[in-house]
Amino acid sequence: MIVASGTSKRHLTTMANQLQKEFKSISKRPVAIEGLTNGSWVLIDGGDIIVHLFDAETRSMYDLDNLWASQISPKDSIV
């Protein structure tokens, strides 16, 4: 699971579209994207990898980082 932030709806949309292209080129499987019309939280299901893209306010509100912190060992975290 990857959690990242964007600075605007346009930024989130651009990141999601680029990730969709990359996932498709690597896995050759369909990639599901949810939330593009909302613009505050975009979910990309790349099969083995799930990506959550948030604006700052929504990321703070849902706080997935802390929700999952106890489930991830320091060696598994890249940040």
Protein backbone atom coordinates (compact mmCIF):
# COMPACT_ATOMS: atom_id res chain seq x y z
CA MET A 1 0.00 0.00 0.00
CA ILE A 2 1.24 3.45 -0.93
CA VAL A 3 -0.16 6.66 0.55
CA ALA A 4 0.73 9.97 -1.10
CA SER A 5 -0.51 13.55 -1.25
CA GLY A 6 -1.22 15.94 -4.08
CA THR A 7 -1.57 19.71 -4.01
CA SER A 8 -4.77 20.02 -6.08
CA LYS A 9 -7.45 18.01 -7.87
CA ARG A 10 -5.51 18.43 -11.10
CA HIS A 11 -2.33 17.17 -9.44
CA LEU A 12 -4.13 14.10 -8.03
CA THR A 13 -5.69 13.36 -11.43
CA THR A 14 -2.34 13.65 -13.20
CA MET A 15 -0.64 11.36 -10.68
CA ALA A 16 -3.47 8.81 -10.93
CA ASN A 17 -3.42 8.77 -14.73
CA GLN A 18 0.37 8.36 -14.82
CA LEU A 19 0.26 5.54 -12.25
CA GLN A 20 -2.48 3.83 -14.27
CA LYS A 21 -0.25 3.91 -17.38
CA GLU A 22 2.73 2.55 -15.43
CA PHE A 23 0.73 -0.26 -13.81
CA LYS A 24 -0.74 -1.25 -17.19
CA SER A 25 2.69 -1.33 -18.84
CA ILE A 26 4.11 -3.50 -16.06
CA SER A 27 1.27 -5.92 -15.34
CA LYS A 28 -0.80 -5.85 -18.54
CA ARG A 29 -3.91 -6.11 -16.31
CA PRO A 30 -6.79 -3.68 -15.97
CA VAL A 31 -6.21 -1.01 -13.34
CA ALA A 32 -9.17 0.34 -11.38
CA ILE A 33 -9.32 3.98 -10.35
CA GLU A 34 -11.94 5.40 -7.99
CA GLY A 35 -12.49 8.97 -6.87
CA LEU A 36 -11.31 11.01 -9.84
CA THR A 37 -14.54 13.01 -9.91
CA ASN A 38 -14.35 13.74 -6.18
CA GLY A 39 -10.78 14.98 -6.32
CA SER A 40 -9.87 14.73 -2.64
CA TRP A 41 -9.12 10.99 -2.43
CA VAL A 42 -8.19 8.84 -5.42
CA LEU A 43 -7.74 5.09 -5.04
CA ILE A 44 -5.76 3.12 -7.62
CA ASP A 45 -6.03 -0.66 -7.49
CA GLY A 46 -3.00 -2.01 -9.26
CA GLY A 47 -3.60 -5.60 -8.17
CA ASP A 48 -0.72 -6.30 -5.79
CA ILE A 49 -0.30 -2.60 -5.03
CA ILE A 50 -2.99 -0.22 -3.79
CA VAL A 51 -2.27 3.52 -4.01
CA HIS A 52 -4.18 6.14 -2.03
CA LEU A 53 -3.74 9.71 -3.29
CA PHE A 54 -5.12 12.43 -1.02
CA ASP A 55 -5.27 16.18 -0.79
CA ALA A 56 -3.74 17.38 2.51
CA GLU A 57 -7.05 17.92 4.33
CA THR A 58 -8.48 14.51 3.43
CA ARG A 59 -5.23 12.70 4.23
CA SER A 60 -5.23 14.31 7.66
CA MET A 61 -8.89 13.45 8.23
CA TYR A 62 -8.60 9.73 7.39
CA ASP A 63 -5.06 9.39 8.81
CA LEU A 64 -4.31 6.08 7.08
CA ASP A 65 -0.64 6.51 7.95
CA ASN A 66 -1.32 6.08 11.67
CA LEU A 67 -4.12 3.58 11.14
CA TRP A 68 -1.71 1.19 9.42
CA ALA A 69 1.45 2.17 11.36
CA SER A 70 1.08 -0.70 13.83
CA GLN A 71 0.79 -3.18 10.93
CA ILE A 72 4.00 -2.13 9.17
CA SER A 73 7.42 -2.91 10.55
CA PRO A 74 10.12 -0.24 10.12
CA LYS A 75 11.97 -2.44 7.61
CA ASP A 76 8.87 -2.47 5.37
CA SER A 77 8.43 1.31 5.37
CA ILE A 78 10.24 3.43 2.79
CA VAL A 79 9.58 6.76 4.49
